[in-house]
Amino acid sequence: MTKSALITGITGQDGSYLSELLLGKGYKVYGLIRRLSTPNLARIEHILDQVELIEGDLTDQSSINNALKESQPCEVYNLAAQSFVATSWNQPVLTGDVTGLGAVRILEGVCHVCPDAHFYQASSSEMFGKVNESPQNENSRFYPRSPYGFAKVYAHWACINYRESYGMHASSGILFNHESPRRGIEFVTRKITDAVARISLGFAKELRLGNLDAKRDWGFAGDYVKAMWLMLQQKEPDDYVIATGETHSVGEFAELAFHEAGLDWKKYVSVDQKFIRPAEVNLLLGDASKARRILGWKPEVTFEELVKMMVREDLKRYEEKRKLAK
C-alpha cells in the first residue's frame, strides 16, 4: 500500500526538500498551504504535478481537521511556523499563535482524526537560547531568548505531552541551523550569499549585518530532512538533536562566502545596530550523538561545501538576471 504524508510548511525550505525525499520513496505527498492572493510556490514549482495541495491554516482548527480527513496520512510533518526570529519580536502574539498553538491544533487533529499516524514536530535549537552547557543535547535546559524560541518550547512540550498522554507516535527534531540555496532571503546566511552575488556582479556595493561574533552550528537542509523521516520510521517515538557538532561565526560565514566570489569581505561588510537583536543568542552547538546511534544519521555536506553551494547558486541566479536584462 502506498504511504501518504501531510506536510505543513511544504512551500518552505525544509518542506521542499522533504517532499522530494518522500516522493523518491514512493509516498503520496499532501501539503497544507495558506490561501494567499499570490501563492509562494517557487520552491516546489518543479514538483507541483507530483504533490497535492490542500488549503488550510495553523490558526484554524477546522481547516486542519479537514486536511487530515482528506489526506488520511500515515505520517504528518509539522514544518510550518512564523520562523524568522527578528519578526517574532515585532509580532510576538502571531508567532505564539502560529508556531506554538499551531502545533497543538495539529496534534489535536491527528489525535482525533488519524491517531495511528506518526507525527513529527519541528523543534529548534533556538529553544536553548542562553545556553548553560555546550554542546547542547536532548537533556539540556531550555532558556529561549525570543518569542520564536519560547513558542517553539511550548510546541515541543505539547508534543511530549500528547505522546505521553495519548500514546501517540509523536517525535520532535531539535534541529540546529540548517541552510541551503532555498533558504529565505531574510535569514542571515542567505542574506550574505545573496549580497555576495549582487556585489560581485555590480548590483550592490555593501552588506550590513548585525552581530558578526554570533556562532551557530550550520548544516545542509537536504541532510536534515532525512533525519525527520528516520524519526518516524522508528518503533518508538522520541526527541532528537540534529546538528553537525561544529560551530562557526557569522563573520566566518561571510568571509568564506566572499572568498568564494574572489572578494575580500572586510571591504564590503559593516555592522548596523538595527540588526542587533534585543536579546542575542551568542552560541549554539549541537550534540547529535543520539541521532547517530539510534537513527544512523550523520551530516554529509560540510560547512565549507554548504557556503560554496549557496554562493554559486546565487551567482548563477543573478547572472541569469543580467542576461535577461540585456
C-alpha atoms as a PDB file:
ATOM      1  CA  MET A   1       0.000   0.000   0.000  1.00  0.00           C
ATOM      2  CA  THR A   2       1.276   3.469  -0.889  1.00  0.00           C
ATOM      3  CA  LYS A   3       2.226   5.549   2.141  1.00  0.00           C
ATOM      4  CA  SER A   4       0.814   9.057   2.410  1.00  0.00           C
ATOM      5  CA  ALA A   5       2.228  12.087   4.213  1.00  0.00           C
ATOM      6  CA  LEU A   6       0.853  15.522   5.044  1.00  0.00           C
ATOM      7  CA  ILE A   7       3.409  18.331   5.290  1.00  0.00           C
ATOM      8  CA  THR A   8       2.607  21.717   6.788  1.00  0.00           C
ATOM      9  CA  GLY A   9       5.031  24.332   5.519  1.00  0.00           C
ATOM     10  CA  ILE A  10       5.509  22.426   2.268  1.00  0.00           C
ATOM     11  CA  THR A  11       6.398  25.627   0.389  1.00  0.00           C
ATOM     12  CA  GLY A  12       9.328  26.377   2.711  1.00  0.00           C
ATOM     13  CA  GLN A  13      12.945  25.296   2.500  1.00  0.00           C
ATOM     14  CA  ASP A  14      12.537  22.119   4.558  1.00  0.00           C
ATOM     15  CA  GLY A  15       9.145  21.321   3.074  1.00  0.00           C
ATOM     16  CA  SER A  16      10.522  21.303  -0.443  1.00  0.00           C
ATOM     17  CA  TYR A  17      13.472  19.039   0.385  1.00  0.00           C
ATOM     18  CA  LEU A  18      11.273  16.704   2.445  1.00  0.00           C
ATOM     19  CA  SER A  19       8.746  16.487  -0.395  1.00  0.00           C
ATOM     20  CA  GLU A  20      11.484  15.436  -2.802  1.00  0.00           C
ATOM     21  CA  LEU A  21      12.719  12.816  -0.338  1.00  0.00           C
ATOM     22  CA  LEU A  22       9.261  11.328   0.245  1.00  0.00           C
ATOM     23  CA  LEU A  23       8.349  11.328  -3.439  1.00  0.00           C
ATOM     24  CA  GLY A  24      11.590   9.474  -4.120  1.00  0.00           C
ATOM     25  CA  LYS A  25      10.444   6.835  -1.625  1.00  0.00           C
ATOM     26  CA  GLY A  26       7.087   6.411  -3.349  1.00  0.00           C
ATOM     27  CA  TYR A  27       4.901   8.412  -0.949  1.00  0.00           C
ATOM     28  CA  LYS A  28       1.714  10.221  -1.872  1.00  0.00           C
ATOM     29  CA  VAL A  29       2.545  13.741  -0.657  1.00  0.00           C
ATOM     30  CA  TYR A  30      -0.024  16.289   0.501  1.00  0.00           C
ATOM     31  CA  GLY A  31       0.859  19.828   1.505  1.00  0.00           C
ATOM     32  CA  LEU A  32      -1.074  22.270   3.680  1.00  0.00           C
ATOM     33  CA  ILE A  33      -0.858  25.799   2.266  1.00  0.00           C
ATOM     34  CA  ARG A  34      -2.351  29.105   3.304  1.00  0.00           C
ATOM     35  CA  ARG A  35      -4.711  30.947   0.979  1.00  0.00           C
ATOM     36  CA  LEU A  36      -2.709  33.827  -0.489  1.00  0.00           C
ATOM     37  CA  SER A  37      -3.541  36.181  -3.350  1.00  0.00           C
ATOM     38  CA  THR A  38      -0.135  35.353  -4.803  1.00  0.00           C
ATOM     39  CA  PRO A  39       0.865  31.813  -3.775  1.00  0.00           C
ATOM     40  CA  ASN A  40       4.539  31.331  -2.926  1.00  0.00           C
ATOM     41  CA  LEU A  41       5.224  28.078  -4.744  1.00  0.00           C
ATOM     42  CA  ALA A  42       8.712  28.767  -6.125  1.00  0.00           C
ATOM     43  CA  ARG A  43      10.488  26.119  -4.027  1.00  0.00           C
ATOM     44  CA  ILE A  44       8.119  23.321  -5.091  1.00  0.00           C
ATOM     45  CA  GLU A  45       7.357  24.508  -8.622  1.00  0.00           C
ATOM     46  CA  HIS A  46       9.355  21.621 -10.104  1.00  0.00           C
ATOM     47  CA  ILE A  47       7.236  19.018  -8.264  1.00  0.00           C
ATOM     48  CA  LEU A  48       3.803  20.673  -8.320  1.00  0.00           C
ATOM     49  CA  ASP A  49       2.434  17.968 -10.604  1.00  0.00           C
ATOM     50  CA  GLN A  50       3.514  15.294  -8.099  1.00  0.00           C
ATOM     51  CA  VAL A  51       2.048  16.718  -4.864  1.00  0.00           C
ATOM     52  CA  GLU A  52      -1.487  17.566  -3.798  1.00  0.00           C
ATOM     53  CA  LEU A  53      -2.005  20.900  -2.075  1.00  0.00           C
ATOM     54  CA  ILE A  54      -4.784  21.484   0.451  1.00  0.00           C
ATOM     55  CA  GLU A  55      -5.765  24.939   1.670  1.00  0.00           C
ATOM     56  CA  GLY A  56      -5.586  25.406   5.421  1.00  0.00           C
ATOM     57  CA  ASP A  57      -4.105  27.474   8.211  1.00  0.00           C
ATOM     58  CA  LEU A  58      -2.406  26.645  11.505  1.00  0.00           C
ATOM     59  CA  THR A  59      -4.647  29.197  13.227  1.00  0.00           C
ATOM     60  CA  ASP A  60      -7.828  27.416  12.090  1.00  0.00           C
ATOM     61  CA  GLN A  61      -8.652  24.040  13.667  1.00  0.00           C
ATOM     62  CA  SER A  62     -11.417  23.123  11.224  1.00  0.00           C
ATOM     63  CA  SER A  63      -9.181  23.535   8.171  1.00  0.00           C
ATOM     64  CA  ILE A  64      -6.507  21.363   9.802  1.00  0.00           C
ATOM     65  CA  ASN A  65      -9.050  18.646  10.578  1.00  0.00           C
ATOM     66  CA  ASN A  66     -10.384  18.783   7.025  1.00  0.00           C
ATOM     67  CA  ALA A  67      -6.855  18.455   5.600  1.00  0.00           C
ATOM     68  CA  LEU A  68      -6.219  15.404   7.777  1.00  0.00           C
ATOM     69  CA  LYS A  69      -9.517  13.814   6.743  1.00  0.00           C
ATOM     70  CA  GLU A  70      -8.790  14.444   3.074  1.00  0.00           C
ATOM     71  CA  SER A  71      -5.198  13.191   3.118  1.00  0.00           C
ATOM     72  CA  GLN A  72      -5.588  10.336   5.648  1.00  0.00           C
ATOM     73  CA  PRO A  73      -1.831  10.433   6.245  1.00  0.00           C
ATOM     74  CA  CYS A  74       0.416   7.719   7.641  1.00  0.00           C
ATOM     75  CA  GLU A  75       2.853  10.482   8.587  1.00  0.00           C
ATOM     76  CA  VAL A  76       2.354  14.152   9.472  1.00  0.00           C
ATOM     77  CA  TYR A  77       5.260  16.603   9.401  1.00  0.00           C
ATOM     78  CA  ASN A  78       4.625  19.951  11.081  1.00  0.00           C
ATOM     79  CA  LEU A  79       7.183  22.268   9.495  1.00  0.00           C
ATOM     80  CA  ALA A  80       5.014  25.390   9.263  1.00  0.00           C
ATOM     81  CA  ALA A  81       5.737  28.325  11.571  1.00  0.00           C
ATOM     82  CA  GLN A  82       6.411  32.015  11.794  1.00  0.00           C
ATOM     83  CA  SER A  83      10.069  31.076  11.748  1.00  0.00           C
ATOM     84  CA  PHE A  84      12.005  34.329  11.468  1.00  0.00           C
ATOM     85  CA  VAL A  85      13.424  35.276  14.879  1.00  0.00           C
ATOM     86  CA  ALA A  86      13.644  39.012  14.151  1.00  0.00           C
ATOM     87  CA  THR A  87       9.992  39.153  13.063  1.00  0.00           C
ATOM     88  CA  SER A  88       8.942  37.326  16.231  1.00  0.00           C
ATOM     89  CA  TRP A  89       9.943  40.418  18.244  1.00  0.00           C
ATOM     90  CA  ASN A  90       7.643  42.610  16.130  1.00  0.00           C
ATOM     91  CA  GLN A  91       4.826  40.043  16.008  1.00  0.00           C
ATOM     92  CA  PRO A  92       5.079  38.006  19.232  1.00  0.00           C
ATOM     93  CA  VAL A  93       1.360  37.199  19.520  1.00  0.00           C
ATOM     94  CA  LEU A  94       1.130  35.986  15.918  1.00  0.00           C
ATOM     95  CA  THR A  95       4.302  33.937  16.421  1.00  0.00           C
ATOM     96  CA  GLY A  96       2.797  32.323  19.518  1.00  0.00           C
ATOM     97  CA  ASP A  97      -0.464  31.583  17.735  1.00  0.00           C
ATOM     98  CA  VAL A  98       1.130  30.029  14.639  1.00  0.00           C
ATOM     99  CA  THR A  99       4.350  28.499  15.950  1.00  0.00           C
ATOM    100  CA  GLY A 100       3.109  27.475  19.404  1.00  0.00           C
ATOM    101  CA  LEU A 101      -0.656  26.943  19.338  1.00  0.00           C
ATOM    102  CA  GLY A 102      -0.491  25.853  15.699  1.00  0.00           C
ATOM    103  CA  ALA A 103       1.381  22.724  16.773  1.00  0.00           C
ATOM    104  CA  VAL A 104      -1.276  21.971  19.401  1.00  0.00           C
ATOM    105  CA  ARG A 105      -4.039  22.305  16.810  1.00  0.00           C
ATOM    106  CA  ILE A 106      -2.298  19.791  14.553  1.00  0.00           C
ATOM    107  CA  LEU A 107      -1.693  17.407  17.451  1.00  0.00           C
ATOM    108  CA  GLU A 108      -5.378  17.701  18.362  1.00  0.00           C
ATOM    109  CA  GLY A 109      -6.356  16.996  14.785  1.00  0.00           C
ATOM    110  CA  VAL A 110      -4.087  13.962  14.492  1.00  0.00           C
ATOM    111  CA  CYS A 111      -5.269  12.664  17.869  1.00  0.00           C
ATOM    112  CA  HIS A 112      -8.931  12.706  16.789  1.00  0.00           C
ATOM    113  CA  VAL A 113      -8.784  12.187  13.014  1.00  0.00           C
ATOM    114  CA  CYS A 114      -5.848   9.818  12.421  1.00  0.00           C
ATOM    115  CA  PRO A 115      -4.460   8.700  15.813  1.00  0.00           C
ATOM    116  CA  ASP A 116      -2.279   5.984  14.297  1.00  0.00           C
ATOM    117  CA  ALA A 117      -0.339   8.456  12.137  1.00  0.00           C
ATOM    118  CA  HIS A 118       3.272   9.140  13.054  1.00  0.00           C
ATOM    119  CA  PHE A 119       3.784  12.838  13.871  1.00  0.00           C
ATOM    120  CA  TYR A 120       6.901  14.992  13.517  1.00  0.00           C
ATOM    121  CA  GLN A 121       7.292  18.336  15.278  1.00  0.00           C
ATOM    122  CA  ALA A 122       9.928  20.760  14.025  1.00  0.00           C
ATOM    123  CA  SER A 123      11.562  21.899  17.243  1.00  0.00           C
ATOM    124  CA  SER A 124      14.508  24.300  17.175  1.00  0.00           C
ATOM    125  CA  SER A 125      17.919  24.943  18.678  1.00  0.00           C
ATOM    126  CA  GLU A 126      16.594  28.447  19.467  1.00  0.00           C
ATOM    127  CA  MET A 127      14.847  26.779  22.408  1.00  0.00           C
ATOM    128  CA  PHE A 128      18.226  26.510  24.128  1.00  0.00           C
ATOM    129  CA  GLY A 129      18.875  30.243  23.743  1.00  0.00           C
ATOM    130  CA  LYS A 130      21.094  31.355  26.630  1.00  0.00           C
ATOM    131  CA  VAL A 131      22.878  28.044  26.938  1.00  0.00           C
ATOM    132  CA  ASN A 132      24.062  26.670  30.275  1.00  0.00           C
ATOM    133  CA  GLU A 133      26.181  23.913  28.738  1.00  0.00           C
ATOM    134  CA  SER A 134      27.876  23.231  25.441  1.00  0.00           C
ATOM    135  CA  PRO A 135      27.295  21.299  23.294  1.00  0.00           C
ATOM    136  CA  GLN A 136      23.533  21.023  23.752  1.00  0.00           C
ATOM    137  CA  ASN A 137      21.792  17.630  23.736  1.00  0.00           C
ATOM    138  CA  GLU A 138      18.273  16.332  24.302  1.00  0.00           C
ATOM    139  CA  ASN A 139      18.579  16.848  28.067  1.00  0.00           C
ATOM    140  CA  SER A 140      19.986  20.386  28.015  1.00  0.00           C
ATOM    141  CA  ARG A 141      17.923  23.091  29.710  1.00  0.00           C
ATOM    142  CA  PHE A 142      15.803  25.394  27.562  1.00  0.00           C
ATOM    143  CA  TYR A 143      16.369  29.135  28.004  1.00  0.00           C
ATOM    144  CA  PRO A 144      14.778  30.762  24.919  1.00  0.00           C
ATOM    145  CA  ARG A 145      15.713  34.337  24.088  1.00  0.00           C
ATOM    146  CA  SER A 146      12.974  35.334  21.636  1.00  0.00           C
ATOM    147  CA  PRO A 147       9.213  34.953  21.096  1.00  0.00           C
ATOM    148  CA  TYR A 148      10.048  32.428  18.391  1.00  0.00           C
ATOM    149  CA  GLY A 149      12.183  30.460  20.839  1.00  0.00           C
ATOM    150  CA  PHE A 150       9.607  30.257  23.610  1.00  0.00           C
ATOM    151  CA  ALA A 151       6.804  29.491  21.127  1.00  0.00           C
ATOM    152  CA  LYS A 152       8.883  26.521  19.968  1.00  0.00           C
ATOM    153  CA  VAL A 153       9.363  25.402  23.586  1.00  0.00           C
ATOM    154  CA  TYR A 154       5.568  25.418  24.045  1.00  0.00           C
ATOM    155  CA  ALA A 155       5.092  23.346  20.891  1.00  0.00           C
ATOM    156  CA  HIS A 156       7.889  20.963  21.896  1.00  0.00           C
ATOM    157  CA  TRP A 157       6.352  20.238  25.303  1.00  0.00           C
ATOM    158  CA  ALA A 158       2.929  19.892  23.719  1.00  0.00           C
ATOM    159  CA  CYS A 159       4.353  17.134  21.512  1.00  0.00           C
ATOM    160  CA  ILE A 160       5.799  15.338  24.549  1.00  0.00           C
ATOM    161  CA  ASN A 161       2.519  15.663  26.474  1.00  0.00           C
ATOM    162  CA  TYR A 162       0.392  14.308  23.631  1.00  0.00           C
ATOM    163  CA  ARG A 163       2.830  11.421  23.212  1.00  0.00           C
ATOM    164  CA  GLU A 164       2.747  10.512  26.885  1.00  0.00           C
ATOM    165  CA  SER A 165      -0.960  11.222  27.474  1.00  0.00           C
ATOM    166  CA  TYR A 166      -2.478   9.635  24.373  1.00  0.00           C
ATOM    167  CA  GLY A 167       0.177   7.140  23.292  1.00  0.00           C
ATOM    168  CA  MET A 168       0.738   8.988  20.011  1.00  0.00           C
ATOM    169  CA  HIS A 169       3.797   8.284  17.881  1.00  0.00           C
ATOM    170  CA  ALA A 170       4.927  11.916  18.164  1.00  0.00           C
ATOM    171  CA  SER A 171       8.589  12.834  17.794  1.00  0.00           C
ATOM    172  CA  SER A 172      10.431  16.152  17.839  1.00  0.00           C
ATOM    173  CA  GLY A 173      13.541  17.000  15.894  1.00  0.00           C
ATOM    174  CA  ILE A 174      15.551  19.679  17.706  1.00  0.00           C
ATOM    175  CA  LEU A 175      17.235  20.911  14.558  1.00  0.00           C
ATOM    176  CA  PHE A 176      20.132  23.301  14.691  1.00  0.00           C
ATOM    177  CA  ASN A 177      20.542  25.863  11.925  1.00  0.00           C
ATOM    178  CA  HIS A 178      20.246  24.281   8.508  1.00  0.00           C
ATOM    179  CA  GLU A 179      20.651  26.210   5.290  1.00  0.00           C
ATOM    180  CA  SER A 180      20.531  25.793   1.522  1.00  0.00           C
ATOM    181  CA  PRO A 181      20.125  27.794  -1.690  1.00  0.00           C
ATOM    182  CA  ARG A 182      16.376  27.659  -0.911  1.00  0.00           C
ATOM    183  CA  ARG A 183      16.774  29.476   2.412  1.00  0.00           C
ATOM    184  CA  GLY A 184      14.615  32.604   2.784  1.00  0.00           C
ATOM    185  CA  ILE A 185      16.385  35.833   1.870  1.00  0.00           C
ATOM    186  CA  GLU A 186      15.660  37.295   5.327  1.00  0.00           C
ATOM    187  CA  PHE A 187      17.889  34.741   7.083  1.00  0.00           C
ATOM    188  CA  VAL A 188      21.479  35.846   7.673  1.00  0.00           C
ATOM    189  CA  THR A 189      23.166  33.063   5.696  1.00  0.00           C
ATOM    190  CA  ARG A 190      21.127  33.689   2.564  1.00  0.00           C
ATOM    191  CA  LYS A 191      21.335  37.435   3.125  1.00  0.00           C
ATOM    192  CA  ILE A 192      25.105  37.046   2.953  1.00  0.00           C
ATOM    193  CA  THR A 193      25.292  34.821  -0.131  1.00  0.00           C
ATOM    194  CA  ASP A 194      22.711  36.922  -1.980  1.00  0.00           C
ATOM    195  CA  ALA A 195      24.728  40.072  -1.212  1.00  0.00           C
ATOM    196  CA  VAL A 196      27.946  38.397  -2.352  1.00  0.00           C
ATOM    197  CA  ALA A 197      26.359  37.632  -5.713  1.00  0.00           C
ATOM    198  CA  ARG A 198      24.940  41.154  -6.095  1.00  0.00           C
ATOM    199  CA  ILE A 199      28.222  42.821  -5.126  1.00  0.00           C
ATOM    200  CA  SER A 200      30.258  40.506  -7.353  1.00  0.00           C
ATOM    201  CA  LEU A 201      28.085  41.329 -10.376  1.00  0.00           C
ATOM    202  CA  GLY A 202      27.801  45.051  -9.681  1.00  0.00           C
ATOM    203  CA  PHE A 203      24.228  45.155  -8.378  1.00  0.00           C
ATOM    204  CA  ALA A 204      25.262  46.304  -4.865  1.00  0.00           C
ATOM    205  CA  LYS A 205      28.231  47.844  -3.037  1.00  0.00           C
ATOM    206  CA  GLU A 206      27.893  46.840   0.615  1.00  0.00           C
ATOM    207  CA  LEU A 207      26.389  44.400   3.106  1.00  0.00           C
ATOM    208  CA  ARG A 208      25.181  45.448   6.554  1.00  0.00           C
ATOM    209  CA  LEU A 209      24.945  42.793   9.259  1.00  0.00           C
ATOM    210  CA  GLY A 210      24.295  42.528  12.986  1.00  0.00           C
ATOM    211  CA  ASN A 211      26.413  40.539  15.438  1.00  0.00           C
ATOM    212  CA  LEU A 212      29.361  39.102  13.498  1.00  0.00           C
ATOM    213  CA  ASP A 213      30.551  37.141  16.523  1.00  0.00           C
ATOM    214  CA  ALA A 214      27.357  35.099  16.978  1.00  0.00           C
ATOM    215  CA  LYS A 215      28.188  31.432  16.460  1.00  0.00           C
ATOM    216  CA  ARG A 216      25.930  28.768  15.033  1.00  0.00           C
ATOM    217  CA  ASP A 217      26.005  25.078  14.175  1.00  0.00           C
ATOM    218  CA  TRP A 218      25.161  25.200  10.449  1.00  0.00           C
ATOM    219  CA  GLY A 219      24.243  22.197   8.317  1.00  0.00           C
ATOM    220  CA  PHE A 220      22.584  21.452   4.978  1.00  0.00           C
ATOM    221  CA  ALA A 221      18.776  21.284   4.946  1.00  0.00           C
ATOM    222  CA  GLY A 222      18.810  18.393   2.498  1.00  0.00           C
ATOM    223  CA  ASP A 223      20.660  16.290   5.080  1.00  0.00           C
ATOM    224  CA  TYR A 224      18.379  17.304   7.926  1.00  0.00           C
ATOM    225  CA  VAL A 225      15.079  16.261   6.317  1.00  0.00           C
ATOM    226  CA  LYS A 226      16.468  12.720   6.120  1.00  0.00           C
ATOM    227  CA  ALA A 227      16.642  12.759   9.925  1.00  0.00           C
ATOM    228  CA  MET A 228      12.979  13.827  10.098  1.00  0.00           C
ATOM    229  CA  TRP A 229      11.938  10.832   8.016  1.00  0.00           C
ATOM    230  CA  LEU A 230      14.139   8.433  10.011  1.00  0.00           C
ATOM    231  CA  MET A 231      12.496   9.535  13.278  1.00  0.00           C
ATOM    232  CA  LEU A 232       9.069   8.487  12.037  1.00  0.00           C
ATOM    233  CA  GLN A 233      10.346   5.069  10.930  1.00  0.00           C
ATOM    234  CA  GLN A 234      11.353   4.110  14.473  1.00  0.00           C
ATOM    235  CA  LYS A 235       9.275   1.689  16.529  1.00  0.00           C
ATOM    236  CA  GLU A 236       9.188   4.112  19.441  1.00  0.00           C
ATOM    237  CA  PRO A 237       8.766   7.922  19.203  1.00  0.00           C
ATOM    238  CA  ASP A 238      11.404  10.158  20.778  1.00  0.00           C
ATOM    239  CA  ASP A 239      13.172  13.517  20.554  1.00  0.00           C
ATOM    240  CA  TYR A 240      16.472  14.000  18.761  1.00  0.00           C
ATOM    241  CA  VAL A 241      19.015  16.785  18.388  1.00  0.00           C
ATOM    242  CA  ILE A 242      20.111  17.122  14.746  1.00  0.00           C
ATOM    243  CA  ALA A 243      23.351  19.055  14.270  1.00  0.00           C
ATOM    244  CA  THR A 244      26.855  18.906  12.791  1.00  0.00           C
ATOM    245  CA  GLY A 245      28.747  19.349  16.059  1.00  0.00           C
ATOM    246  CA  GLU A 246      30.733  22.262  14.604  1.00  0.00           C
ATOM    247  CA  THR A 247      30.302  25.963  15.275  1.00  0.00           C
ATOM    248  CA  HIS A 248      31.138  28.908  13.024  1.00  0.00           C
ATOM    249  CA  SER A 249      30.612  32.652  13.438  1.00  0.00           C
ATOM    250  CA  VAL A 250      28.577  34.920  11.182  1.00  0.00           C
ATOM    251  CA  GLY A 251      31.833  36.678  10.306  1.00  0.00           C
ATOM    252  CA  GLU A 252      33.413  33.369   9.308  1.00  0.00           C
ATOM    253  CA  PHE A 253      30.428  32.574   7.100  1.00  0.00           C
ATOM    254  CA  ALA A 254      30.742  35.982   5.421  1.00  0.00           C
ATOM    255  CA  GLU A 255      34.494  35.631   4.926  1.00  0.00           C
ATOM    256  CA  LEU A 256      34.137  32.245   3.251  1.00  0.00           C
ATOM    257  CA  ALA A 257      31.205  33.389   1.093  1.00  0.00           C
ATOM    258  CA  PHE A 258      33.026  36.464  -0.218  1.00  0.00           C
ATOM    259  CA  HIS A 259      36.183  34.401  -0.771  1.00  0.00           C
ATOM    260  CA  GLU A 260      34.214  32.026  -2.997  1.00  0.00           C
ATOM    261  CA  ALA A 261      33.492  35.005  -5.267  1.00  0.00           C
ATOM    262  CA  GLY A 262      37.100  36.222  -5.106  1.00  0.00           C
ATOM    263  CA  LEU A 263      36.321  39.174  -2.816  1.00  0.00           C
ATOM    264  CA  ASP A 264      37.702  40.465   0.495  1.00  0.00           C
ATOM    265  CA  TRP A 265      34.730  40.525   2.858  1.00  0.00           C
ATOM    266  CA  LYS A 266      36.148  43.304   5.056  1.00  0.00           C
ATOM    267  CA  LYS A 267      35.877  45.762   2.157  1.00  0.00           C
ATOM    268  CA  TYR A 268      32.125  45.296   1.885  1.00  0.00           C
ATOM    269  CA  VAL A 269      30.720  44.249   5.282  1.00  0.00           C
ATOM    270  CA  SER A 270      29.747  46.675   8.057  1.00  0.00           C
ATOM    271  CA  VAL A 271      27.862  46.273  11.337  1.00  0.00           C
ATOM    272  CA  ASP A 272      24.482  48.004  11.607  1.00  0.00           C
ATOM    273  CA  GLN A 273      22.975  48.294  15.092  1.00  0.00           C
ATOM    274  CA  LYS A 274      19.438  47.905  13.770  1.00  0.00           C
ATOM    275  CA  PHE A 275      20.201  44.246  13.090  1.00  0.00           C
ATOM    276  CA  ILE A 276      21.244  43.557  16.682  1.00  0.00           C
ATOM    277  CA  ARG A 277      18.522  41.576  18.484  1.00  0.00           C
ATOM    278  CA  PRO A 278      17.063  42.747  21.843  1.00  0.00           C
ATOM    279  CA  ALA A 279      18.364  39.517  23.403  1.00  0.00           C
ATOM    280  CA  GLU A 280      21.166  37.869  21.450  1.00  0.00           C
ATOM    281  CA  VAL A 281      21.935  34.160  21.319  1.00  0.00           C
ATOM    282  CA  ASN A 282      25.709  34.084  21.124  1.00  0.00           C
ATOM    283  CA  LEU A 283      26.495  30.387  20.766  1.00  0.00           C
ATOM    284  CA  LEU A 284      24.608  27.270  19.682  1.00  0.00           C
ATOM    285  CA  LEU A 285      26.393  23.941  19.241  1.00  0.00           C
ATOM    286  CA  GLY A 286      24.588  20.622  18.979  1.00  0.00           C
ATOM    287  CA  ASP A 287      25.412  17.108  20.104  1.00  0.00           C
ATOM    288  CA  ALA A 288      23.716  14.711  17.680  1.00  0.00           C
ATOM    289  CA  SER A 289      25.292  11.534  19.093  1.00  0.00           C
ATOM    290  CA  LYS A 290      21.854  10.080  19.948  1.00  0.00           C
ATOM    291  CA  ALA A 291      20.673  10.516  16.341  1.00  0.00           C
ATOM    292  CA  ARG A 292      23.882   8.943  15.074  1.00  0.00           C
ATOM    293  CA  ARG A 293      23.492   5.988  17.417  1.00  0.00           C
ATOM    294  CA  ILE A 294      19.765   5.260  17.060  1.00  0.00           C
ATOM    295  CA  LEU A 295      18.826   6.672  13.655  1.00  0.00           C
ATOM    296  CA  GLY A 296      22.137   6.017  11.929  1.00  0.00           C
ATOM    297  CA  TRP A 297      22.067   9.638  10.767  1.00  0.00           C
ATOM    298  CA  LYS A 298      25.021  11.892  10.093  1.00  0.00           C
ATOM    299  CA  PRO A 299      25.522  15.080   8.047  1.00  0.00           C
ATOM    300  CA  GLU A 300      27.021  14.613   4.602  1.00  0.00           C
ATOM    301  CA  VAL A 301      27.591  18.207   3.409  1.00  0.00           C
ATOM    302  CA  THR A 302      30.376  20.129   5.181  1.00  0.00           C
ATOM    303  CA  PHE A 303      30.164  23.766   6.281  1.00  0.00           C
ATOM    304  CA  GLU A 304      32.546  24.844   3.511  1.00  0.00           C
ATOM    305  CA  GLU A 305      30.592  22.906   0.873  1.00  0.00           C
ATOM    306  CA  LEU A 306      27.346  24.443   2.092  1.00  0.00           C
ATOM    307  CA  VAL A 307      28.613  28.034   1.836  1.00  0.00           C
ATOM    308  CA  LYS A 308      30.084  27.440  -1.619  1.00  0.00           C
ATOM    309  CA  MET A 309      26.855  25.777  -2.807  1.00  0.00           C
ATOM    310  CA  MET A 310      24.788  28.759  -1.696  1.00  0.00           C
ATOM    311  CA  VAL A 311      27.115  31.361  -3.217  1.00  0.00           C
ATOM    312  CA  ARG A 312      27.289  29.543  -6.538  1.00  0.00           C
ATOM    313  CA  GLU A 313      23.506  29.265  -6.798  1.00  0.00           C
ATOM    314  CA  ASP A 314      23.024  32.975  -6.044  1.00  0.00           C
ATOM    315  CA  LEU A 315      25.735  33.931  -8.541  1.00  0.00           C
ATOM    316  CA  LYS A 316      24.020  31.782 -11.151  1.00  0.00           C
ATOM    317  CA  ARG A 317      20.666  33.411 -10.409  1.00  0.00           C
ATOM    318  CA  TYR A 318      21.965  36.973 -10.783  1.00  0.00           C
ATOM    319  CA  GLU A 319      23.985  36.115 -13.880  1.00  0.00           C
ATOM    320  CA  GLU A 320      20.777  34.878 -15.494  1.00  0.00           C
ATOM    321  CA  LYS A 321      19.000  38.077 -14.429  1.00  0.00           C
ATOM    322  CA  ARG A 322      21.732  40.172 -16.001  1.00  0.00           C
ATOM    323  CA  LYS A 323      21.468  38.232 -19.281  1.00  0.00           C
ATOM    324  CA  LEU A 324      17.722  38.750 -19.379  1.00  0.00           C
ATOM    325  CA  ALA A 325      18.139  42.473 -18.746  1.00  0.00           C
ATOM    326  CA  LYS A 326      20.335  42.906 -21.827  1.00  0.00           C
END
